[in-house]
């Protein structure tokens, strides 16, 4: 299968990859812990969000204000990313949040199961009334 993500050329990303990065930031902003990883559509392929972020970790193009605003919202820090920041800077800021969400997928089912078990045990105790 061909690589659906365009390559950087001397540190520069094609506009399609820059737009996919912005879409990835928007998806990351709405991605809640425990939900499946969002996919980003590019060139007819659905690409995992983490791969789009990773593709931009060496991009030297300047990060547009619209993408910086989303990063500030995601990180919760108004000055998280300064004027003159690159896509690589943005990718490095977003990657730990993405990894946190991916890690939540590994433990979230166990958390849900323990909550369900606790609820079931509580219902059993209430209906049984104890010994």
N, C-alpha and C. Protein backbone atom coordinates (compact mmCIF):
# COMPACT_ATOMS: atom_id res chain seq x y z
N UNK A 1 0.85 -1.18 0.00
CA UNK A 1 0.00 0.00 0.00
C UNK A 1 0.89 1.24 0.00
N UNK A 2 0.54 2.20 -0.83
CA UNK A 2 1.34 3.42 -0.89
C UNK A 2 1.14 4.24 0.38
N UNK A 3 2.10 5.09 0.66
CA UNK A 3 2.02 5.95 1.83
C UNK A 3 1.03 7.08 1.53
N UNK A 4 -0.04 7.17 2.29
CA UNK A 4 -1.06 8.19 2.06
C UNK A 4 -0.62 9.56 2.55
N UNK A 5 0.38 9.59 3.42
CA UNK A 5 0.87 10.87 3.93
C UNK A 5 1.97 11.39 3.01
N UNK A 6 1.81 12.62 2.50
CA UNK A 6 2.89 13.17 1.68
C UNK A 6 4.15 13.40 2.50
N UNK A 7 5.28 13.32 1.85
CA UNK A 7 6.57 13.52 2.52
C UNK A 7 6.88 15.00 2.64
N UNK A 8 7.68 15.33 3.64
CA UNK A 8 8.21 16.69 3.75
C UNK A 8 9.30 16.86 2.69
N UNK A 9 9.43 18.06 2.19
CA UNK A 9 10.50 18.36 1.25
C UNK A 9 11.38 19.43 1.86
N UNK A 10 12.58 19.06 2.27
CA UNK A 10 13.52 19.97 2.92
C UNK A 10 12.85 20.72 4.08
N UNK A 11 12.08 19.97 4.86
CA UNK A 11 11.43 20.53 6.05
C UNK A 11 10.09 21.18 5.79
N UNK A 12 9.66 21.23 4.53
CA UNK A 12 8.40 21.89 4.19
C UNK A 12 7.33 20.86 3.89
N UNK A 13 6.12 21.13 4.39
CA UNK A 13 5.00 20.22 4.17
C UNK A 13 4.08 20.77 3.09
N UNK A 14 3.56 19.90 2.22
CA UNK A 14 2.56 20.36 1.26
C UNK A 14 1.31 20.84 2.01
N UNK A 15 0.55 21.69 1.36
CA UNK A 15 -0.63 22.28 2.01
C UNK A 15 -1.62 21.20 2.46
N UNK A 16 -1.70 20.09 1.73
CA UNK A 16 -2.63 19.03 2.14
C UNK A 16 -2.23 18.45 3.49
N UNK A 17 -0.94 18.32 3.73
CA UNK A 17 -0.47 17.80 5.02
C UNK A 17 -0.64 18.85 6.12
N UNK A 18 -0.43 20.12 5.79
CA UNK A 18 -0.67 21.18 6.76
C UNK A 18 -2.13 21.21 7.18
N UNK A 19 -3.04 21.06 6.20
CA UNK A 19 -4.47 21.04 6.52
C UNK A 19 -4.84 19.79 7.32
N UNK A 20 -4.22 18.66 7.01
CA UNK A 20 -4.47 17.44 7.78
C UNK A 20 -4.00 17.61 9.22
N UNK A 21 -2.90 18.31 9.42
CA UNK A 21 -2.41 18.59 10.77
C UNK A 21 -3.43 19.43 11.54
N UNK A 22 -3.97 20.44 10.88
CA UNK A 22 -4.99 21.27 11.54
C UNK A 22 -6.21 20.42 11.89
N UNK A 23 -6.64 19.57 10.96
CA UNK A 23 -7.77 18.66 11.23
C UNK A 23 -7.44 17.74 12.41
N UNK A 24 -6.20 17.30 12.50
CA UNK A 24 -5.78 16.44 13.61
C UNK A 24 -5.87 17.18 14.94
N UNK A 25 -5.48 18.45 14.94
CA UNK A 25 -5.59 19.25 16.18
C UNK A 25 -7.05 19.40 16.59
N UNK A 26 -7.92 19.66 15.61
CA UNK A 26 -9.35 19.78 15.93
C UNK A 26 -9.89 18.46 16.48
N UNK A 27 -9.48 17.35 15.89
CA UNK A 27 -9.92 16.04 16.37
C UNK A 27 -9.38 15.76 17.77
N UNK A 28 -8.13 16.14 18.01
CA UNK A 28 -7.52 15.95 19.33
C UNK A 28 -8.26 16.77 20.38
N UNK A 29 -8.68 17.97 20.01
CA UNK A 29 -9.40 18.83 20.95
C UNK A 29 -10.71 18.18 21.40
N UNK A 30 -11.38 17.46 20.51
CA UNK A 30 -12.64 16.82 20.85
C UNK A 30 -12.53 15.38 21.31
N UNK A 31 -11.33 14.83 21.32
CA UNK A 31 -11.11 13.42 21.67
C UNK A 31 -11.10 13.26 23.17
N UNK A 32 -12.07 12.53 23.69
CA UNK A 32 -12.17 12.30 25.13
C UNK A 32 -11.47 11.00 25.51
N UNK A 33 -10.92 10.94 26.73
CA UNK A 33 -10.28 9.70 27.18
C UNK A 33 -11.24 8.52 27.07
N UNK A 34 -10.74 7.42 26.59
CA UNK A 34 -11.54 6.21 26.46
C UNK A 34 -12.21 6.05 25.11
N UNK A 35 -12.28 7.13 24.33
CA UNK A 35 -12.87 7.03 23.00
C UNK A 35 -11.81 6.52 22.02
N UNK A 36 -12.24 5.87 20.94
CA UNK A 36 -11.27 5.41 19.94
C UNK A 36 -10.52 6.58 19.31
N UNK A 37 -9.32 6.31 18.86
CA UNK A 37 -8.50 7.34 18.22
C UNK A 37 -9.19 7.82 16.95
N UNK A 38 -9.33 9.14 16.80
CA UNK A 38 -9.94 9.66 15.58
C UNK A 38 -9.03 9.44 14.37
N UNK A 39 -9.66 9.30 13.23
CA UNK A 39 -8.92 9.20 11.98
C UNK A 39 -9.04 10.51 11.22
N UNK A 40 -8.03 10.83 10.46
CA UNK A 40 -8.00 12.03 9.64
C UNK A 40 -8.03 11.58 8.18
N UNK A 41 -8.97 12.13 7.41
CA UNK A 41 -9.08 11.73 6.01
C UNK A 41 -8.17 12.59 5.15
N UNK A 42 -7.34 11.90 4.37
CA UNK A 42 -6.37 12.57 3.50
C UNK A 42 -6.15 11.70 2.27
N UNK A 43 -6.34 12.29 1.11
CA UNK A 43 -6.12 11.58 -0.16
C UNK A 43 -6.90 10.27 -0.24
N UNK A 44 -8.11 10.25 0.30
CA UNK A 44 -8.95 9.07 0.23
C UNK A 44 -8.67 8.00 1.27
N UNK A 45 -7.75 8.27 2.18
CA UNK A 45 -7.40 7.32 3.23
C UNK A 45 -7.75 7.91 4.60
N UNK A 46 -8.14 7.03 5.53
CA UNK A 46 -8.30 7.45 6.92
C UNK A 46 -7.00 7.11 7.64
N UNK A 47 -6.37 8.14 8.18
CA UNK A 47 -5.06 7.99 8.80
C UNK A 47 -5.18 8.25 10.29
N UNK A 48 -4.63 7.39 11.14
CA UNK A 48 -4.68 7.63 12.59
C UNK A 48 -4.09 9.00 12.93
N UNK A 49 -4.73 9.68 13.84
CA UNK A 49 -4.32 11.01 14.27
C UNK A 49 -2.85 11.07 14.65
N UNK A 50 -2.37 10.09 15.38
CA UNK A 50 -0.99 10.09 15.85
C UNK A 50 0.00 10.09 14.68
N UNK A 51 -0.35 9.44 13.58
CA UNK A 51 0.55 9.42 12.43
C UNK A 51 0.64 10.78 11.75
N UNK A 52 -0.48 11.51 11.73
CA UNK A 52 -0.46 12.86 11.15
C UNK A 52 0.41 13.77 12.00
N UNK A 53 0.24 13.69 13.33
CA UNK A 53 1.08 14.51 14.21
C UNK A 53 2.55 14.16 14.03
N UNK A 54 2.84 12.86 13.99
CA UNK A 54 4.22 12.40 13.86
C UNK A 54 4.85 12.86 12.54
N UNK A 55 4.06 12.92 11.49
CA UNK A 55 4.58 13.34 10.18
C UNK A 55 5.07 14.78 10.19
N UNK A 56 4.59 15.58 11.15
CA UNK A 56 4.94 17.00 11.18
C UNK A 56 6.00 17.33 12.22
N UNK A 57 6.58 16.34 12.86
CA UNK A 57 7.54 16.62 13.94
C UNK A 57 8.85 17.24 13.45
N UNK A 58 9.09 17.23 12.15
CA UNK A 58 10.30 17.86 11.62
C UNK A 58 9.98 18.96 10.60
N UNK A 59 8.74 19.42 10.60
CA UNK A 59 8.31 20.44 9.64
C UNK A 59 8.72 21.83 10.13
N UNK A 60 9.43 22.55 9.29
CA UNK A 60 9.94 23.88 9.67
C UNK A 60 9.03 25.02 9.22
N UNK A 61 7.90 24.71 8.61
CA UNK A 61 6.96 25.76 8.20
C UNK A 61 6.35 26.41 9.44
N UNK A 62 6.04 27.70 9.32
CA UNK A 62 5.42 28.41 10.44
C UNK A 62 4.00 27.92 10.67
N UNK A 63 3.65 27.77 11.93
CA UNK A 63 2.32 27.32 12.32
C UNK A 63 1.34 28.48 12.23
N UNK A 64 0.24 28.33 11.49
CA UNK A 64 -0.72 29.43 11.37
C UNK A 64 -1.43 29.71 12.70
N UNK A 65 -1.93 30.91 12.82
CA UNK A 65 -2.61 31.35 14.04
C UNK A 65 -3.80 30.44 14.37
N UNK A 66 -4.54 30.01 13.37
CA UNK A 66 -5.73 29.17 13.64
C UNK A 66 -5.31 27.87 14.34
N UNK A 67 -4.18 27.30 13.94
CA UNK A 67 -3.70 26.08 14.59
C UNK A 67 -3.12 26.37 15.96
N UNK A 68 -2.46 27.52 16.11
CA UNK A 68 -1.93 27.90 17.43
C UNK A 68 -3.07 28.09 18.42
N UNK A 69 -4.19 28.64 17.97
CA UNK A 69 -5.35 28.85 18.86
C UNK A 69 -5.88 27.52 19.38
N UNK A 70 -5.95 26.52 18.51
CA UNK A 70 -6.43 25.20 18.95
C UNK A 70 -5.44 24.59 19.94
N UNK A 71 -4.15 24.72 19.67
CA UNK A 71 -3.14 24.20 20.61
C UNK A 71 -3.25 24.87 21.97
N UNK A 72 -3.49 26.17 21.98
CA UNK A 72 -3.67 26.87 23.26
C UNK A 72 -4.89 26.33 23.99
N UNK A 73 -5.95 26.04 23.25
CA UNK A 73 -7.15 25.47 23.86
C UNK A 73 -6.89 24.06 24.41
N UNK A 74 -6.17 23.26 23.66
CA UNK A 74 -5.88 21.88 24.07
C UNK A 74 -4.99 21.86 25.31
N UNK A 75 -3.95 22.68 25.32
CA UNK A 75 -3.00 22.67 26.43
C UNK A 75 -3.52 23.45 27.63
N UNK A 76 -4.50 24.32 27.41
CA UNK A 76 -5.04 25.12 28.50
C UNK A 76 -4.14 26.26 28.92
N UNK A 77 -3.15 26.56 28.09
CA UNK A 77 -2.21 27.63 28.40
C UNK A 77 -2.24 28.66 27.27
N UNK A 78 -2.66 29.90 27.56
CA UNK A 78 -2.76 30.90 26.51
C UNK A 78 -1.46 31.15 25.76
N UNK A 79 -0.35 31.06 26.43
CA UNK A 79 0.93 31.33 25.77
C UNK A 79 1.71 30.05 25.52
N UNK A 80 0.99 28.94 25.31
CA UNK A 80 1.66 27.65 25.15
C UNK A 80 2.56 27.63 23.93
N UNK A 81 2.19 28.38 22.93
CA UNK A 81 2.99 28.37 21.71
C UNK A 81 3.11 29.80 21.19
N UNK A 82 4.31 30.22 20.96
CA UNK A 82 4.59 31.62 20.64
C UNK A 82 4.51 31.89 19.14
N UNK A 83 4.42 33.18 18.81
CA UNK A 83 4.53 33.59 17.41
C UNK A 83 5.87 33.08 16.89
N UNK A 84 5.88 32.67 15.65
CA UNK A 84 7.12 32.15 15.07
C UNK A 84 7.31 30.66 15.29
N UNK A 85 6.35 30.02 15.95
CA UNK A 85 6.44 28.57 16.18
C UNK A 85 6.22 27.83 14.86
N UNK A 86 6.80 26.66 14.78
CA UNK A 86 6.68 25.84 13.57
C UNK A 86 5.67 24.71 13.80
N UNK A 87 5.33 24.05 12.70
CA UNK A 87 4.48 22.87 12.82
C UNK A 87 5.14 21.82 13.72
N UNK A 88 6.46 21.72 13.65
CA UNK A 88 7.17 20.77 14.52
C UNK A 88 6.95 21.11 15.98
N UNK A 89 7.00 22.40 16.32
CA UNK A 89 6.73 22.81 17.71
C UNK A 89 5.33 22.39 18.12
N UNK A 90 4.37 22.61 17.24
CA UNK A 90 2.99 22.23 17.53
C UNK A 90 2.83 20.73 17.69
N UNK A 91 3.49 19.98 16.82
CA UNK A 91 3.40 18.52 16.91
C UNK A 91 3.99 18.01 18.22
N UNK A 92 5.10 18.61 18.64
CA UNK A 92 5.73 18.18 19.90
C UNK A 92 4.87 18.56 21.11
N UNK A 93 4.10 19.62 21.02
CA UNK A 93 3.18 19.97 22.11
C UNK A 93 1.97 19.05 22.13
N UNK A 94 1.47 18.68 20.96
CA UNK A 94 0.26 17.86 20.88
C UNK A 94 0.52 16.38 21.14
N UNK A 95 1.70 15.91 20.85
CA UNK A 95 1.99 14.47 20.95
C UNK A 95 1.76 13.89 22.35
N UNK A 96 2.20 14.54 23.43
CA UNK A 96 1.95 13.95 24.76
C UNK A 96 0.46 13.83 25.08
N UNK A 97 -0.34 14.77 24.60
CA UNK A 97 -1.78 14.70 24.84
C UNK A 97 -2.36 13.53 24.06
N UNK A 98 -1.89 13.35 22.84
CA UNK A 98 -2.33 12.22 22.03
C UNK A 98 -1.94 10.90 22.70
N UNK A 99 -0.72 10.82 23.20
CA UNK A 99 -0.26 9.60 23.87
C UNK A 99 -1.08 9.33 25.14
N UNK A 100 -1.44 10.39 25.85
CA UNK A 100 -2.28 10.23 27.04
C UNK A 100 -3.63 9.62 26.66
N UNK A 101 -4.22 10.09 25.57
CA UNK A 101 -5.50 9.55 25.11
C UNK A 101 -5.34 8.09 24.68
N UNK A 102 -4.25 7.79 23.99
CA UNK A 102 -4.02 6.41 23.57
C UNK A 102 -3.83 5.50 24.78
N UNK A 103 -3.12 5.98 25.78
CA UNK A 103 -2.94 5.19 27.01
C UNK A 103 -4.27 4.96 27.71
N UNK A 104 -5.18 5.93 27.63
CA UNK A 104 -6.48 5.77 28.29
C UNK A 104 -7.26 4.63 27.66
N UNK A 105 -7.00 4.33 26.40
CA UNK A 105 -7.70 3.23 25.74
C UNK A 105 -7.30 1.89 26.34
N UNK A 106 -6.08 1.80 26.83
CA UNK A 106 -5.61 0.54 27.41
C UNK A 106 -6.20 0.30 28.80
N UNK A 107 -6.42 1.37 29.54
CA UNK A 107 -6.93 1.20 30.90
C UNK A 107 -8.41 1.50 31.02
N UNK A 108 -8.97 2.22 30.06
CA UNK A 108 -10.37 2.62 30.17
C UNK A 108 -11.32 1.43 30.29
N UNK A 109 -11.18 0.37 29.48
CA UNK A 109 -12.09 -0.77 29.65
C UNK A 109 -12.05 -1.35 31.06
N UNK A 110 -10.88 -1.39 31.67
CA UNK A 110 -10.78 -1.90 33.04
C UNK A 110 -11.49 -0.97 34.02
N UNK A 111 -11.36 0.33 33.81
CA UNK A 111 -12.05 1.30 34.68
C UNK A 111 -13.55 1.13 34.54
N UNK A 112 -14.03 1.03 33.30
CA UNK A 112 -15.46 0.85 33.08
C UNK A 112 -15.95 -0.45 33.71
N UNK A 113 -15.18 -1.53 33.55
CA UNK A 113 -15.57 -2.82 34.11
C UNK A 113 -15.64 -2.75 35.63
N UNK A 114 -14.67 -2.07 36.26
CA UNK A 114 -14.70 -1.97 37.72
C UNK A 114 -15.88 -1.13 38.18
N UNK A 115 -16.23 -0.10 37.43
CA UNK A 115 -17.41 0.71 37.78
C UNK A 115 -18.68 -0.11 37.65
N UNK A 116 -18.77 -0.89 36.55
CA UNK A 116 -19.95 -1.73 36.34
C UNK A 116 -20.05 -2.78 37.45
N UNK A 117 -18.92 -3.38 37.82
CA UNK A 117 -18.91 -4.38 38.88
C UNK A 117 -19.34 -3.75 40.20
N UNK A 118 -18.82 -2.56 40.50
CA UNK A 118 -19.20 -1.88 41.74
C UNK A 118 -20.69 -1.57 41.75
N UNK A 119 -21.21 -1.13 40.61
CA UNK A 119 -22.64 -0.83 40.52
C UNK A 119 -23.45 -2.11 40.71
N UNK A 120 -23.03 -3.20 40.05
CA UNK A 120 -23.74 -4.47 40.18
C UNK A 120 -23.70 -4.99 41.61
N UNK A 121 -22.55 -4.88 42.26
CA UNK A 121 -22.44 -5.32 43.65
C UNK A 121 -23.32 -4.47 44.55
N UNK A 122 -23.38 -3.17 44.27
CA UNK A 122 -24.23 -2.29 45.07
C UNK A 122 -25.69 -2.67 44.91
N UNK A 123 -26.11 -2.96 43.67
CA UNK A 123 -27.49 -3.36 43.43
C UNK A 123 -27.80 -4.69 44.11
N UNK A 124 -26.85 -5.63 44.09
CA UNK A 124 -27.04 -6.92 44.74
C UNK A 124 -27.18 -6.75 46.24
N UNK A 125 -26.35 -5.89 46.83
CA UNK A 125 -26.41 -5.66 48.27
C UNK A 125 -27.73 -5.01 48.66
N UNK A 126 -28.17 -4.07 47.86
CA UNK A 126 -29.43 -3.37 48.16
C UNK A 126 -30.60 -4.34 48.05
N UNK A 127 -30.64 -5.17 46.99
CA UNK A 127 -31.76 -6.07 46.82
C UNK A 127 -31.72 -7.22 47.83
N UNK A 128 -30.52 -7.65 48.20
CA UNK A 128 -30.37 -8.74 49.15
C UNK A 128 -30.65 -8.26 50.57
N UNK A 129 -30.18 -7.08 50.90
CA UNK A 129 -30.43 -6.54 52.22
C UNK A 129 -29.43 -6.99 53.27
N UNK A 130 -28.46 -7.79 52.90
CA UNK A 130 -27.43 -8.21 53.87
C UNK A 130 -27.86 -9.42 54.66
N UNK A 131 -26.96 -9.97 55.45
CA UNK A 131 -27.25 -11.21 56.19
C UNK A 131 -27.80 -10.95 57.54
